[in-house]
Amino acid sequence: MKTIPIGIYYEGYKDVVVETHINQLWTPQSDLEEEIEAIWTKKIETNPTTFNGDMVRVINSRLEDDVVVLNTELTNYKQFIGTINQQSMDRRANPLYVCANVITKDRKYVFGLRANCMRGNKQYNISSGSVDINTDFEHGLPSCDKAILRETYEEFCISPKQIKSKDHFMYYHLPNELTGTFLYEINLNVSSTKMKQIFDKTIKQEIRAGLRNEDDLEFTELKFVDSDLDSLQTELELDCYRPHVVGLLTELYRRKVNFKHITSCFFGL
């Protein structure tokens, strides 16, 4: 079974709020600037079309009264690529990322097959992305809630009216990457069959209307996985998921195993 144990910064919180945002680009230390430039130069030599988009940087975070409180500023993809392996938070671009474990009404997890043009193509992923500086701000501050609603619509064609509940789950990271991601659990009021119909219909309609470019689709098809323990174990034996998904599936599997063990002990099964 292929597993990736994740690190958890926070869990069990009720909200994520930004306390202050500095609308200026992060200035790394001079030695780090040189390293960033060298890494970026190598990056664009192999892929000249790489876009250096602006991002939101997490300066620091704390848990206060069941709320994760952030202070943020601006960063960009170049700084992210150049500092991704830095151990100290002060020396990392640390972009503000969100993702969602989407669950249909018939209790199936939803994954999307990444398009050929995307990094990690032909692998399945969850809905995820960084907070967009142009669309995901509210009252002048970055909003994780706005970002995840935008991402789930762009990638899975899920509109707010199809969402039964949207809950915070955890802020986690992979073992070899310390930049965290805020994970939501989104429960839908539509079945997996209905969601597939919505996805296929919306993609076709928006391509015809010129609202989407077929060559730039994030996901080309959906995959639905039963949320029981045996199904999770089966999926973890496959080699078709992005690392963040393997980390999520590993954590879901671990929690279900622990729950089964606890209930077995409690009921003497």
Protein backbone atom coordinates (compact mmCIF):
# COMPACT_ATOMS: atom_id res chain seq x y z
CA MET A 1 0.00 0.00 0.00
CA LYS A 2 1.44 3.39 -1.05
CA THR A 3 1.07 5.91 1.77
CA ILE A 4 2.37 9.39 2.52
CA PRO A 5 2.04 10.46 6.17
CA ILE A 6 1.22 14.15 6.36
CA GLY A 7 2.13 16.80 8.91
CA ILE A 8 -0.74 18.71 10.52
CA TYR A 9 -0.29 22.31 11.62
CA TYR A 10 -3.87 22.82 12.82
CA GLU A 11 -7.11 20.83 12.92
CA GLY A 12 -10.50 21.20 14.57
CA TYR A 13 -10.64 24.95 13.94
CA LYS A 14 -13.88 26.66 12.91
CA ASP A 15 -12.60 29.41 10.64
CA VAL A 16 -9.57 30.98 8.94
CA VAL A 17 -9.27 34.77 9.03
CA VAL A 18 -6.63 37.21 7.83
CA GLU A 19 -5.77 39.77 10.50
CA THR A 20 -3.54 42.03 8.38
CA HIS A 21 -2.42 42.04 4.75
CA ILE A 22 0.55 43.97 3.36
CA ASN A 23 -0.05 44.69 -0.31
CA GLN A 24 3.66 44.62 -1.15
CA LEU A 25 5.96 41.90 -2.45
CA TRP A 26 7.97 39.95 0.11
CA THR A 27 11.67 40.91 0.16
CA PRO A 28 13.83 37.84 0.93
CA GLN A 29 17.33 38.13 2.38
CA SER A 30 20.04 38.93 -0.18
CA ASP A 31 21.60 35.45 -0.19
CA LEU A 32 18.18 33.95 -0.74
CA GLU A 33 17.44 36.37 -3.59
CA GLU A 34 20.49 35.04 -5.45
CA GLU A 35 19.35 31.45 -4.91
CA ILE A 36 15.84 32.28 -6.13
CA GLU A 37 17.25 33.87 -9.30
CA ALA A 38 19.43 30.83 -10.03
CA ILE A 39 16.57 28.37 -9.58
CA TRP A 40 14.21 30.51 -11.68
CA THR A 41 16.75 30.84 -14.49
CA LYS A 42 17.05 27.07 -14.67
CA LYS A 43 13.26 26.73 -14.53
CA ILE A 44 12.56 29.00 -17.49
CA GLU A 45 15.37 27.45 -19.53
CA THR A 46 13.48 24.14 -19.47
CA ASN A 47 10.02 25.74 -19.66
CA PRO A 48 10.14 29.27 -21.15
CA THR A 49 6.36 29.76 -20.88
CA THR A 50 6.34 29.42 -17.08
CA PHE A 51 4.19 32.27 -15.72
CA ASN A 52 5.37 34.19 -12.68
CA GLY A 53 1.97 34.91 -11.18
CA ASP A 54 1.38 36.90 -8.00
CA MET A 55 0.33 34.99 -4.88
CA VAL A 56 -0.55 35.61 -1.23
CA ARG A 57 2.19 34.77 1.28
CA VAL A 58 1.52 33.61 4.84
CA ILE A 59 3.88 35.59 7.10
CA ASN A 60 2.75 33.83 10.27
CA SER A 61 -0.23 32.06 11.80
CA ARG A 62 -1.68 31.26 15.19
CA LEU A 63 -4.69 29.44 16.66
CA GLU A 64 -6.92 31.69 18.72
CA ASP A 65 -10.33 30.64 20.09
CA ASP A 66 -10.75 27.86 17.46
CA VAL A 67 -9.86 30.29 14.67
CA VAL A 68 -6.66 30.20 12.59
CA VAL A 69 -5.44 33.80 12.36
CA LEU A 70 -3.09 34.74 9.51
CA ASN A 71 -0.96 37.71 8.63
CA THR A 72 -0.15 37.94 4.93
CA GLU A 73 1.68 39.84 2.21
CA LEU A 74 2.37 39.29 -1.50
CA THR A 75 4.73 36.80 -3.09
CA ASN A 76 4.93 35.19 -6.54
CA TYR A 77 5.50 31.86 -8.25
CA LYS A 78 9.18 32.64 -8.83
CA GLN A 79 9.77 33.11 -5.10
CA PHE A 80 7.74 29.98 -4.34
CA ILE A 81 9.77 27.78 -6.71
CA GLY A 82 13.02 29.26 -5.39
CA THR A 83 12.26 28.69 -1.70
CA ILE A 84 10.11 25.56 -1.68
CA ASN A 85 12.80 23.51 0.07
CA GLN A 86 13.65 26.09 2.73
CA GLN A 87 13.06 24.83 6.26
CA SER A 88 12.50 28.19 7.96
CA MET A 89 9.16 29.93 7.43
CA ASP A 90 11.00 33.26 7.26
CA ARG A 91 12.89 31.99 4.21
CA ARG A 92 9.91 30.48 2.36
CA ALA A 93 7.43 32.14 0.04
CA ASN A 94 4.79 30.07 1.83
CA PRO A 95 1.82 30.74 -0.52
CA LEU A 96 -1.71 30.59 0.85
CA TYR A 97 -3.18 27.38 -0.61
CA VAL A 98 -6.63 25.82 -0.25
CA CYS A 99 -8.02 22.42 -1.26
CA ALA A 100 -11.22 20.44 -0.74
CA ASN A 101 -12.24 16.87 -0.09
CA VAL A 102 -15.55 16.88 -1.96
CA ILE A 103 -18.10 14.24 -0.90
CA THR A 104 -21.27 13.53 -2.87
CA LYS A 105 -24.71 12.85 -1.40
CA ASP A 106 -24.14 9.11 -1.86
CA ARG A 107 -20.89 9.35 0.19
CA LYS A 108 -18.31 9.18 -2.58
CA TYR A 109 -15.06 11.12 -2.70
CA VAL A 110 -14.51 13.12 -5.91
CA PHE A 111 -11.24 13.34 -7.85
CA GLY A 112 -10.40 14.92 -11.19
CA LEU A 113 -8.09 13.57 -13.88
CA ARG A 114 -5.56 16.26 -14.70
CA ALA A 115 -5.31 17.30 -18.32
CA ASN A 116 -2.25 16.61 -20.49
CA CYS A 117 -1.19 20.25 -20.34
CA MET A 118 -1.03 20.31 -16.53
CA ARG A 119 1.84 19.46 -14.18
CA GLY A 120 1.15 15.95 -12.92
CA ASN A 121 -0.91 15.18 -16.02
CA LYS A 122 -2.89 11.96 -16.20
CA GLN A 123 -3.00 11.77 -12.40
CA TYR A 124 -6.02 12.34 -10.19
CA ASN A 125 -6.21 15.35 -7.90
CA ILE A 126 -8.61 17.05 -5.54
CA SER A 127 -9.86 20.58 -6.12
CA SER A 128 -7.01 22.85 -5.04
CA GLY A 129 -5.15 26.07 -5.76
CA SER A 130 -3.72 29.27 -4.36
CA VAL A 131 -5.71 32.29 -3.20
CA ASP A 132 -6.04 34.56 -6.24
CA ILE A 133 -5.12 38.21 -5.64
CA ASN A 134 -7.65 39.38 -8.25
CA THR A 135 -10.75 37.40 -7.26
CA ASP A 136 -10.34 36.02 -3.74
CA PHE A 137 -10.18 39.16 -1.62
CA GLU A 138 -12.97 40.44 0.62
CA HIS A 139 -12.87 43.88 2.27
CA GLY A 140 -9.23 44.17 1.19
CA LEU A 141 -8.16 40.88 2.78
CA PRO A 142 -7.47 37.44 1.27
CA SER A 143 -10.36 34.98 1.74
CA CYS A 144 -9.84 31.22 1.84
CA ASP A 145 -13.61 30.70 1.65
CA LYS A 146 -13.88 32.68 -1.60
CA ALA A 147 -10.88 30.83 -3.01
CA ILE A 148 -12.24 27.33 -2.38
CA LEU A 149 -15.67 28.20 -3.82
CA ARG A 150 -13.97 29.55 -6.95
CA GLU A 151 -11.67 26.52 -7.25
CA THR A 152 -14.45 23.95 -6.86
CA TYR A 153 -16.50 25.71 -9.53
CA GLU A 154 -13.59 26.12 -11.96
CA GLU A 155 -12.41 22.53 -11.57
CA PHE A 156 -15.51 20.48 -10.65
CA CYS A 157 -18.29 22.85 -11.88
CA ILE A 158 -19.83 22.86 -8.41
CA SER A 159 -22.00 25.90 -7.68
CA PRO A 160 -22.88 27.07 -4.13
CA LYS A 161 -26.47 25.78 -4.54
CA GLN A 162 -25.09 22.22 -4.83
CA ILE A 163 -23.14 22.52 -1.55
CA LYS A 164 -24.87 21.19 1.56
CA SER A 165 -22.04 22.07 3.96
CA LYS A 166 -18.54 23.50 3.83
CA ASP A 167 -16.38 22.76 6.86
CA HIS A 168 -12.78 23.37 7.82
CA PHE A 169 -10.83 20.14 8.25
CA MET A 170 -7.12 20.77 8.72
CA TYR A 171 -4.05 22.78 7.70
CA TYR A 172 -1.52 20.21 6.55
CA HIS A 173 1.69 19.68 4.60
CA LEU A 174 3.58 16.87 2.91
CA PRO A 175 6.71 15.48 4.64
CA ASN A 176 9.05 16.92 2.00
CA GLU A 177 7.26 20.26 1.58
CA LEU A 178 6.54 22.53 4.54
CA THR A 179 4.19 24.94 2.73
CA GLY A 180 0.76 24.24 4.19
CA THR A 181 -2.65 23.85 2.56
CA PHE A 182 -6.00 24.61 4.18
CA LEU A 183 -8.21 21.58 3.59
CA TYR A 184 -12.00 21.90 3.50
CA GLU A 185 -14.56 19.11 3.62
CA ILE A 186 -17.39 19.95 1.23
CA ASN A 187 -20.53 17.82 1.32
CA LEU A 188 -22.83 18.06 -1.70
CA ASN A 189 -26.59 17.73 -1.94
CA VAL A 190 -26.27 15.92 -5.29
CA SER A 191 -25.27 12.31 -6.03
CA SER A 192 -22.16 11.22 -7.91
CA THR A 193 -24.30 10.46 -10.99
CA LYS A 194 -25.84 13.94 -10.92
CA MET A 195 -22.47 15.60 -10.32
CA LYS A 196 -20.99 13.88 -13.39
CA GLN A 197 -23.94 15.09 -15.47
CA ILE A 198 -23.45 18.65 -14.19
CA PHE A 199 -19.70 18.52 -14.87
CA ASP A 200 -20.04 17.19 -18.42
CA LYS A 201 -22.87 19.57 -19.32
CA THR A 202 -21.23 22.68 -17.84
CA ILE A 203 -17.87 22.03 -19.51
CA LYS A 204 -19.50 21.56 -22.93
CA GLN A 205 -21.73 24.64 -22.55
CA GLU A 206 -18.90 26.92 -21.41
CA ILE A 207 -16.55 25.74 -24.17
CA ARG A 208 -19.26 26.49 -26.77
CA ALA A 209 -19.87 29.91 -25.19
CA GLY A 210 -16.15 30.71 -25.21
CA LEU A 211 -15.98 30.83 -21.40
CA ARG A 212 -13.50 27.94 -21.26
CA ASN A 213 -10.69 26.84 -23.54
CA GLU A 214 -10.69 23.08 -24.12
CA ASP A 215 -6.87 23.09 -24.17
CA ASP A 216 -6.69 24.73 -20.72
CA LEU A 217 -9.04 22.48 -18.73
CA GLU A 218 -7.78 21.53 -15.29
CA PHE A 219 -9.67 18.22 -15.26
CA THR A 220 -10.90 16.18 -18.20
CA GLU A 221 -12.99 13.64 -16.27
CA LEU A 222 -14.12 12.77 -12.75
CA LYS A 223 -13.54 9.72 -10.58
CA PHE A 224 -15.77 8.73 -7.65
CA VAL A 225 -14.48 6.57 -4.80
CA ASP A 226 -16.54 4.99 -2.02
CA SER A 227 -15.60 6.41 1.38
CA ASP A 228 -15.42 3.07 3.26
CA LEU A 229 -12.18 1.61 4.66
CA ASP A 230 -11.77 -1.16 2.06
CA SER A 231 -12.18 1.27 -0.83
CA LEU A 232 -9.56 3.63 0.61
CA GLN A 233 -7.14 0.73 0.98
CA THR A 234 -7.73 -0.26 -2.64
CA GLU A 235 -7.07 3.29 -3.86
CA LEU A 236 -3.83 3.51 -1.87
CA GLU A 237 -2.56 0.50 -3.79
CA LEU A 238 -2.90 2.41 -7.08
CA ASP A 239 -0.31 4.70 -8.62
CA CYS A 240 -2.60 7.31 -10.17
CA TYR A 241 -2.83 10.10 -7.60
CA ARG A 242 -0.95 13.33 -6.99
CA PRO A 243 1.15 13.35 -3.76
CA HIS A 244 -1.28 15.67 -1.92
CA VAL A 245 -4.10 13.22 -2.66
CA VAL A 246 -2.07 10.26 -1.44
CA GLY A 247 -1.41 12.22 1.74
CA LEU A 248 -5.12 12.95 2.17
CA LEU A 249 -6.15 9.34 1.47
CA THR A 250 -3.48 8.14 3.93
CA GLU A 251 -4.88 10.40 6.66
CA LEU A 252 -8.50 9.42 5.95
CA TYR A 253 -7.51 5.75 6.02
CA ARG A 254 -5.61 6.20 9.30
CA ARG A 255 -8.58 7.89 10.95
CA LYS A 256 -11.01 5.22 9.81
CA VAL A 257 -8.71 2.47 11.09
CA ASN A 258 -8.43 4.22 14.45
CA PHE A 259 -12.20 4.71 14.62
CA LYS A 260 -12.78 1.04 13.82
CA HIS A 261 -10.31 0.02 16.51
CA ILE A 262 -11.92 2.30 19.11
CA THR A 263 -15.47 1.13 18.35
CA SER A 264 -14.35 -2.52 18.36
CA CYS A 265 -12.80 -2.08 21.80
CA PHE A 266 -15.81 -0.16 23.10
CA PHE A 267 -18.37 -2.70 21.93
CA GLY A 268 -16.11 -5.68 22.55
CA LEU A 269 -16.17 -6.75 18.88
